[in-house]
Amino acid sequence: MKIQTLILCLFITATSWSQATIHFDKTTYNFGKIKKGIHKSVVFNFENVGVKPAVIEFANAECGCTQPEYNQNPVLKGQKGNIKVTYTAPSIGVFKKRVTVKYAGEKAVTELIIEGEVI
C-alpha cells in the first residue's frame, strides 16, 4: 500500500511539473458607460508560474465586436505576457462579452470577460 501511495504522489508531482500554469492579474473588466461606436481596450496581464513554456494556441471572442490581440511566442517560466481585448461598442445597451483563451498542450481554458453599458 505504501508503494502505491508513493507512486501516486510521484505521478501527481511529475504531472504538475510538466504543465504551464498561467496566472492572470484579472479575468474580468468593466468599462462602465461608453459611447456607441467608440473603441475601448483593456489589457489582461498574465505570468507563467509553471515550469513549461506557455504558448497561446488561440484566443477566441464570442462575437465580431470583440477583438483579442496576443503574441504567439512562448512565455517562459517566470515571464509575463498579455492579451489586449478591444470592444467596438456597436449598439446601445448592457453588454458582457467573453474571450476564451487556450494554451497549447493544456486541456483547460481561461475565460476573460469584458462588460459595461453602451450609451
N, C-alpha and C. Protein backbone atom coordinates (compact mmCIF):
# COMPACT_ATOMS: atom_id res chain seq x y z
N MET A 1 0.82 -1.20 0.00
CA MET A 1 0.00 0.00 0.00
C MET A 1 0.87 1.27 0.00
N LYS A 2 1.97 1.24 0.77
CA LYS A 2 2.85 2.40 0.82
C LYS A 2 3.50 2.67 -0.54
N ILE A 3 3.86 1.61 -1.26
CA ILE A 3 4.49 1.78 -2.57
C ILE A 3 3.50 2.39 -3.55
N GLN A 4 2.24 1.95 -3.50
CA GLN A 4 1.22 2.50 -4.39
C GLN A 4 0.99 3.98 -4.10
N THR A 5 0.97 4.35 -2.85
CA THR A 5 0.79 5.75 -2.46
C THR A 5 1.98 6.58 -2.94
N LEU A 6 3.18 6.05 -2.78
CA LEU A 6 4.38 6.75 -3.23
C LEU A 6 4.36 6.95 -4.75
N ILE A 7 3.99 5.92 -5.49
CA ILE A 7 3.91 6.02 -6.96
C ILE A 7 2.88 7.06 -7.35
N LEU A 8 1.73 7.06 -6.71
CA LEU A 8 0.68 8.04 -7.00
C LEU A 8 1.18 9.46 -6.73
N CYS A 9 1.85 9.67 -5.62
CA CYS A 9 2.39 11.01 -5.29
C CYS A 9 3.42 11.45 -6.32
N LEU A 10 4.30 10.55 -6.74
CA LEU A 10 5.30 10.89 -7.74
C LEU A 10 4.65 11.22 -9.08
N PHE A 11 3.61 10.48 -9.47
CA PHE A 11 2.90 10.75 -10.71
C PHE A 11 2.24 12.13 -10.67
N ILE A 12 1.58 12.45 -9.58
CA ILE A 12 0.92 13.76 -9.44
C ILE A 12 1.95 14.88 -9.49
N THR A 13 3.06 14.71 -8.81
CA THR A 13 4.11 15.72 -8.81
C THR A 13 4.69 15.90 -10.21
N ALA A 14 5.00 14.81 -10.90
CA ALA A 14 5.57 14.89 -12.25
C ALA A 14 4.59 15.55 -13.20
N THR A 15 3.32 15.23 -13.09
CA THR A 15 2.30 15.82 -13.95
C THR A 15 2.19 17.31 -13.71
N SER A 16 2.22 17.74 -12.47
CA SER A 16 2.09 19.17 -12.19
C SER A 16 3.33 19.93 -12.64
N TRP A 17 4.51 19.31 -12.62
CA TRP A 17 5.72 19.98 -13.08
C TRP A 17 5.74 20.16 -14.59
N SER A 18 5.06 19.28 -15.31
CA SER A 18 5.11 19.34 -16.76
C SER A 18 4.14 20.36 -17.34
N GLN A 19 3.32 20.95 -16.55
CA GLN A 19 2.27 21.85 -17.02
C GLN A 19 2.72 23.32 -16.96
N ALA A 20 2.27 24.07 -17.95
CA ALA A 20 2.41 25.52 -17.88
C ALA A 20 1.26 26.01 -17.01
N THR A 21 1.53 26.88 -16.10
CA THR A 21 0.48 27.40 -15.24
C THR A 21 0.45 28.91 -15.43
N ILE A 22 -0.67 29.40 -15.93
CA ILE A 22 -0.82 30.81 -16.23
C ILE A 22 -1.67 31.47 -15.16
N HIS A 23 -1.18 32.58 -14.64
CA HIS A 23 -1.92 33.32 -13.62
C HIS A 23 -2.20 34.72 -14.16
N PHE A 24 -3.49 35.04 -14.35
CA PHE A 24 -3.90 36.37 -14.79
C PHE A 24 -4.07 37.27 -13.59
N ASP A 25 -3.70 38.56 -13.73
CA ASP A 25 -3.90 39.51 -12.63
C ASP A 25 -5.39 39.84 -12.47
N LYS A 26 -6.16 39.70 -13.55
CA LYS A 26 -7.62 39.84 -13.52
C LYS A 26 -8.17 39.10 -14.72
N THR A 27 -9.41 38.63 -14.62
CA THR A 27 -10.04 37.94 -15.74
C THR A 27 -11.35 38.63 -16.14
N THR A 28 -11.72 39.68 -15.43
CA THR A 28 -12.93 40.44 -15.73
C THR A 28 -12.60 41.92 -15.70
N TYR A 29 -13.19 42.67 -16.64
CA TYR A 29 -13.00 44.12 -16.65
C TYR A 29 -14.32 44.79 -17.02
N ASN A 30 -14.69 45.82 -16.25
CA ASN A 30 -15.91 46.57 -16.51
C ASN A 30 -15.53 47.94 -17.06
N PHE A 31 -15.95 48.22 -18.30
CA PHE A 31 -15.67 49.51 -18.93
C PHE A 31 -16.55 50.62 -18.38
N GLY A 32 -17.61 50.26 -17.67
CA GLY A 32 -18.56 51.28 -17.23
C GLY A 32 -19.39 51.72 -18.42
N LYS A 33 -19.70 53.02 -18.50
CA LYS A 33 -20.51 53.54 -19.61
C LYS A 33 -19.59 54.08 -20.71
N ILE A 34 -19.85 53.62 -21.94
CA ILE A 34 -19.07 54.09 -23.09
C ILE A 34 -20.03 54.49 -24.21
N LYS A 35 -19.58 55.39 -25.05
CA LYS A 35 -20.42 55.87 -26.15
C LYS A 35 -20.43 54.88 -27.30
N LYS A 36 -21.56 54.80 -27.97
CA LYS A 36 -21.74 53.92 -29.11
C LYS A 36 -20.71 54.25 -30.19
N GLY A 37 -20.12 53.21 -30.76
CA GLY A 37 -19.15 53.37 -31.85
C GLY A 37 -17.73 53.65 -31.41
N ILE A 38 -17.52 53.86 -30.12
CA ILE A 38 -16.18 54.13 -29.59
C ILE A 38 -15.47 52.79 -29.34
N HIS A 39 -14.21 52.71 -29.71
CA HIS A 39 -13.42 51.51 -29.46
C HIS A 39 -12.73 51.66 -28.11
N LYS A 40 -12.94 50.68 -27.25
CA LYS A 40 -12.30 50.68 -25.93
C LYS A 40 -11.51 49.39 -25.77
N SER A 41 -10.34 49.50 -25.16
CA SER A 41 -9.46 48.34 -24.97
C SER A 41 -9.07 48.17 -23.51
N VAL A 42 -8.77 46.94 -23.16
CA VAL A 42 -8.22 46.61 -21.86
C VAL A 42 -7.13 45.55 -22.09
N VAL A 43 -6.11 45.60 -21.26
CA VAL A 43 -5.02 44.62 -21.35
C VAL A 43 -5.12 43.70 -20.14
N PHE A 44 -5.22 42.40 -20.42
CA PHE A 44 -5.20 41.39 -19.37
C PHE A 44 -3.78 40.84 -19.28
N ASN A 45 -3.11 41.09 -18.16
CA ASN A 45 -1.73 40.65 -17.95
C ASN A 45 -1.71 39.27 -17.30
N PHE A 46 -0.73 38.46 -17.68
CA PHE A 46 -0.57 37.15 -17.06
C PHE A 46 0.90 36.84 -16.86
N GLU A 47 1.14 35.85 -16.02
CA GLU A 47 2.50 35.37 -15.76
C GLU A 47 2.50 33.84 -15.84
N ASN A 48 3.54 33.28 -16.42
CA ASN A 48 3.71 31.83 -16.43
C ASN A 48 4.39 31.44 -15.13
N VAL A 49 3.62 30.86 -14.21
CA VAL A 49 4.17 30.43 -12.93
C VAL A 49 4.46 28.93 -12.91
N GLY A 50 4.33 28.30 -14.08
CA GLY A 50 4.63 26.87 -14.21
C GLY A 50 6.06 26.66 -14.66
N VAL A 51 6.38 25.43 -14.96
CA VAL A 51 7.72 25.06 -15.39
C VAL A 51 7.83 25.10 -16.91
N LYS A 52 6.79 24.65 -17.59
CA LYS A 52 6.79 24.51 -19.04
C LYS A 52 6.47 25.84 -19.71
N PRO A 53 7.11 26.14 -20.86
CA PRO A 53 6.75 27.36 -21.60
C PRO A 53 5.27 27.33 -22.01
N ALA A 54 4.64 28.48 -22.01
CA ALA A 54 3.23 28.60 -22.38
C ALA A 54 3.13 29.29 -23.74
N VAL A 55 2.32 28.72 -24.61
CA VAL A 55 2.07 29.30 -25.93
C VAL A 55 0.55 29.41 -26.08
N ILE A 56 0.08 30.61 -26.39
CA ILE A 56 -1.35 30.78 -26.61
C ILE A 56 -1.69 30.11 -27.94
N GLU A 57 -2.53 29.08 -27.88
CA GLU A 57 -2.98 28.38 -29.08
C GLU A 57 -4.04 29.21 -29.80
N PHE A 58 -4.98 29.76 -29.02
CA PHE A 58 -5.97 30.67 -29.59
C PHE A 58 -6.61 31.50 -28.48
N ALA A 59 -7.14 32.64 -28.88
CA ALA A 59 -7.97 33.49 -28.02
C ALA A 59 -9.15 33.90 -28.89
N ASN A 60 -10.29 33.27 -28.66
CA ASN A 60 -11.47 33.48 -29.49
C ASN A 60 -12.52 34.32 -28.76
N ALA A 61 -12.98 35.36 -29.44
CA ALA A 61 -14.07 36.19 -28.91
C ALA A 61 -15.39 35.59 -29.36
N GLU A 62 -16.42 35.81 -28.56
CA GLU A 62 -17.72 35.24 -28.90
C GLU A 62 -18.47 36.02 -29.97
N CYS A 63 -17.98 37.21 -30.34
CA CYS A 63 -18.63 37.97 -31.40
C CYS A 63 -17.60 38.84 -32.13
N GLY A 64 -18.00 39.36 -33.28
CA GLY A 64 -17.10 40.18 -34.08
C GLY A 64 -16.82 41.56 -33.52
N CYS A 65 -17.59 41.98 -32.53
CA CYS A 65 -17.41 43.31 -31.93
C CYS A 65 -16.29 43.30 -30.88
N THR A 66 -15.75 42.13 -30.59
CA THR A 66 -14.70 41.99 -29.59
C THR A 66 -13.48 41.37 -30.27
N GLN A 67 -12.33 42.04 -30.15
CA GLN A 67 -11.13 41.59 -30.85
C GLN A 67 -9.97 41.38 -29.88
N PRO A 68 -9.53 40.11 -29.66
CA PRO A 68 -8.33 39.88 -28.84
C PRO A 68 -7.06 39.98 -29.68
N GLU A 69 -6.00 40.50 -29.09
CA GLU A 69 -4.67 40.57 -29.72
C GLU A 69 -3.67 39.99 -28.74
N TYR A 70 -2.78 39.13 -29.26
CA TYR A 70 -1.79 38.49 -28.39
C TYR A 70 -0.59 38.06 -29.20
N ASN A 71 0.50 37.84 -28.50
CA ASN A 71 1.74 37.37 -29.09
C ASN A 71 1.74 35.85 -29.04
N GLN A 72 2.18 35.20 -30.11
CA GLN A 72 2.20 33.74 -30.14
C GLN A 72 3.56 33.14 -29.77
N ASN A 73 4.48 33.98 -29.34
CA ASN A 73 5.78 33.48 -28.88
C ASN A 73 5.62 32.78 -27.54
N PRO A 74 6.46 31.77 -27.26
CA PRO A 74 6.39 31.09 -25.95
C PRO A 74 6.68 32.07 -24.81
N VAL A 75 5.94 31.89 -23.72
CA VAL A 75 6.18 32.65 -22.49
C VAL A 75 6.83 31.67 -21.52
N LEU A 76 8.10 31.91 -21.23
CA LEU A 76 8.86 31.00 -20.38
C LEU A 76 8.48 31.17 -18.91
N LYS A 77 8.89 30.20 -18.11
CA LYS A 77 8.64 30.23 -16.66
C LYS A 77 9.10 31.57 -16.09
N GLY A 78 8.22 32.22 -15.34
CA GLY A 78 8.54 33.49 -14.70
C GLY A 78 8.34 34.71 -15.58
N GLN A 79 8.12 34.49 -16.88
CA GLN A 79 7.90 35.62 -17.77
C GLN A 79 6.43 36.03 -17.78
N LYS A 80 6.22 37.26 -18.25
CA LYS A 80 4.87 37.82 -18.31
C LYS A 80 4.46 38.05 -19.75
N GLY A 81 3.18 38.06 -19.97
CA GLY A 81 2.61 38.33 -21.27
C GLY A 81 1.28 39.03 -21.09
N ASN A 82 0.59 39.30 -22.19
CA ASN A 82 -0.72 39.93 -22.07
C ASN A 82 -1.58 39.64 -23.29
N ILE A 83 -2.85 39.86 -23.09
CA ILE A 83 -3.84 39.78 -24.16
C ILE A 83 -4.61 41.08 -24.13
N LYS A 84 -4.59 41.80 -25.24
CA LYS A 84 -5.34 43.05 -25.35
C LYS A 84 -6.69 42.73 -25.98
N VAL A 85 -7.77 43.19 -25.34
CA VAL A 85 -9.11 42.95 -25.84
C VAL A 85 -9.75 44.30 -26.15
N THR A 86 -10.21 44.47 -27.40
CA THR A 86 -10.84 45.72 -27.83
C THR A 86 -12.31 45.45 -28.16
N TYR A 87 -13.18 46.33 -27.65
CA TYR A 87 -14.61 46.25 -27.89
C TYR A 87 -15.02 47.46 -28.73
N THR A 88 -15.85 47.24 -29.77
CA THR A 88 -16.20 48.32 -30.70
C THR A 88 -17.50 49.04 -30.37
N ALA A 89 -18.23 48.63 -29.36
CA ALA A 89 -19.47 49.28 -28.91
C ALA A 89 -20.45 49.53 -30.06
N PRO A 90 -20.92 48.46 -30.72
CA PRO A 90 -21.76 48.64 -31.90
C PRO A 90 -23.22 49.03 -31.63
N SER A 91 -23.73 48.69 -30.46
CA SER A 91 -25.14 49.00 -30.21
C SER A 91 -25.37 49.39 -28.75
N ILE A 92 -26.40 50.17 -28.53
CA ILE A 92 -26.74 50.68 -27.20
C ILE A 92 -27.27 49.55 -26.32
N GLY A 93 -26.85 49.57 -25.07
CA GLY A 93 -27.33 48.59 -24.09
C GLY A 93 -26.19 48.00 -23.28
N VAL A 94 -26.58 47.17 -22.34
CA VAL A 94 -25.62 46.49 -21.47
C VAL A 94 -24.98 45.34 -22.26
N PHE A 95 -23.69 45.13 -22.07
CA PHE A 95 -23.00 44.03 -22.75
C PHE A 95 -22.12 43.26 -21.79
N LYS A 96 -21.92 42.00 -22.13
CA LYS A 96 -20.99 41.13 -21.41
C LYS A 96 -20.44 40.16 -22.46
N LYS A 97 -19.17 40.29 -22.78
CA LYS A 97 -18.54 39.50 -23.84
C LYS A 97 -17.41 38.66 -23.26
N ARG A 98 -17.24 37.48 -23.83
CA ARG A 98 -16.23 36.54 -23.36
C ARG A 98 -15.17 36.30 -24.44
N VAL A 99 -13.94 36.10 -23.97
CA VAL A 99 -12.84 35.67 -24.83
C VAL A 99 -12.29 34.39 -24.20
N THR A 100 -12.30 33.32 -24.97
CA THR A 100 -11.81 32.04 -24.49
C THR A 100 -10.35 31.89 -24.92
N VAL A 101 -9.48 31.64 -23.93
CA VAL A 101 -8.05 31.52 -24.18
C VAL A 101 -7.63 30.08 -23.93
N LYS A 102 -6.94 29.51 -24.93
CA LYS A 102 -6.46 28.12 -24.82
C LYS A 102 -4.95 28.13 -25.04
N TYR A 103 -4.24 27.43 -24.17
CA TYR A 103 -2.79 27.29 -24.28
C TYR A 103 -2.45 25.94 -24.88
N ALA A 104 -1.45 25.89 -25.74
CA ALA A 104 -1.02 24.65 -26.39
C ALA A 104 -0.63 23.62 -25.33
N GLY A 105 -1.13 22.40 -25.51
CA GLY A 105 -0.80 21.32 -24.60
C GLY A 105 -1.62 21.30 -23.32
N GLU A 106 -2.51 22.24 -23.14
CA GLU A 106 -3.34 22.31 -21.94
C GLU A 106 -4.78 21.97 -22.30
N LYS A 107 -5.47 21.27 -21.43
CA LYS A 107 -6.87 20.96 -21.67
C LYS A 107 -7.78 22.09 -21.21
N ALA A 108 -7.43 22.71 -20.10
CA ALA A 108 -8.26 23.77 -19.53
C ALA A 108 -8.14 25.06 -20.34
N VAL A 109 -9.20 25.84 -20.35
CA VAL A 109 -9.19 27.16 -20.99
C VAL A 109 -9.42 28.21 -19.92
N THR A 110 -9.06 29.44 -20.25
CA THR A 110 -9.31 30.58 -19.38
C THR A 110 -10.32 31.47 -20.08
N GLU A 111 -11.27 31.98 -19.34
CA GLU A 111 -12.28 32.86 -19.90
C GLU A 111 -12.04 34.28 -19.38
N LEU A 112 -11.83 35.21 -20.32
CA LEU A 112 -11.71 36.63 -19.99
C LEU A 112 -13.05 37.28 -20.31
N ILE A 113 -13.50 38.16 -19.44
CA ILE A 113 -14.81 38.78 -19.61
C ILE A 113 -14.67 40.29 -19.59
N ILE A 114 -15.31 40.94 -20.58
CA ILE A 114 -15.44 42.40 -20.57
C ILE A 114 -16.93 42.72 -20.49
N GLU A 115 -17.24 43.79 -19.80
CA GLU A 115 -18.64 44.17 -19.65
C GLU A 115 -18.76 45.67 -19.50
N GLY A 116 -19.98 46.15 -19.60
CA GLY A 116 -20.23 47.57 -19.47
C GLY A 116 -21.59 47.92 -20.06
N GLU A 117 -21.75 49.21 -20.35
CA GLU A 117 -23.00 49.69 -20.95
C GLU A 117 -22.68 50.70 -22.03
N VAL A 118 -23.24 50.49 -23.22
CA VAL A 118 -23.07 51.41 -24.32
C VAL A 118 -24.24 52.40 -24.27
N ILE A 119 -23.89 53.70 -24.27
CA ILE A 119 -24.94 54.74 -24.21
C ILE A 119 -24.97 55.55 -25.49
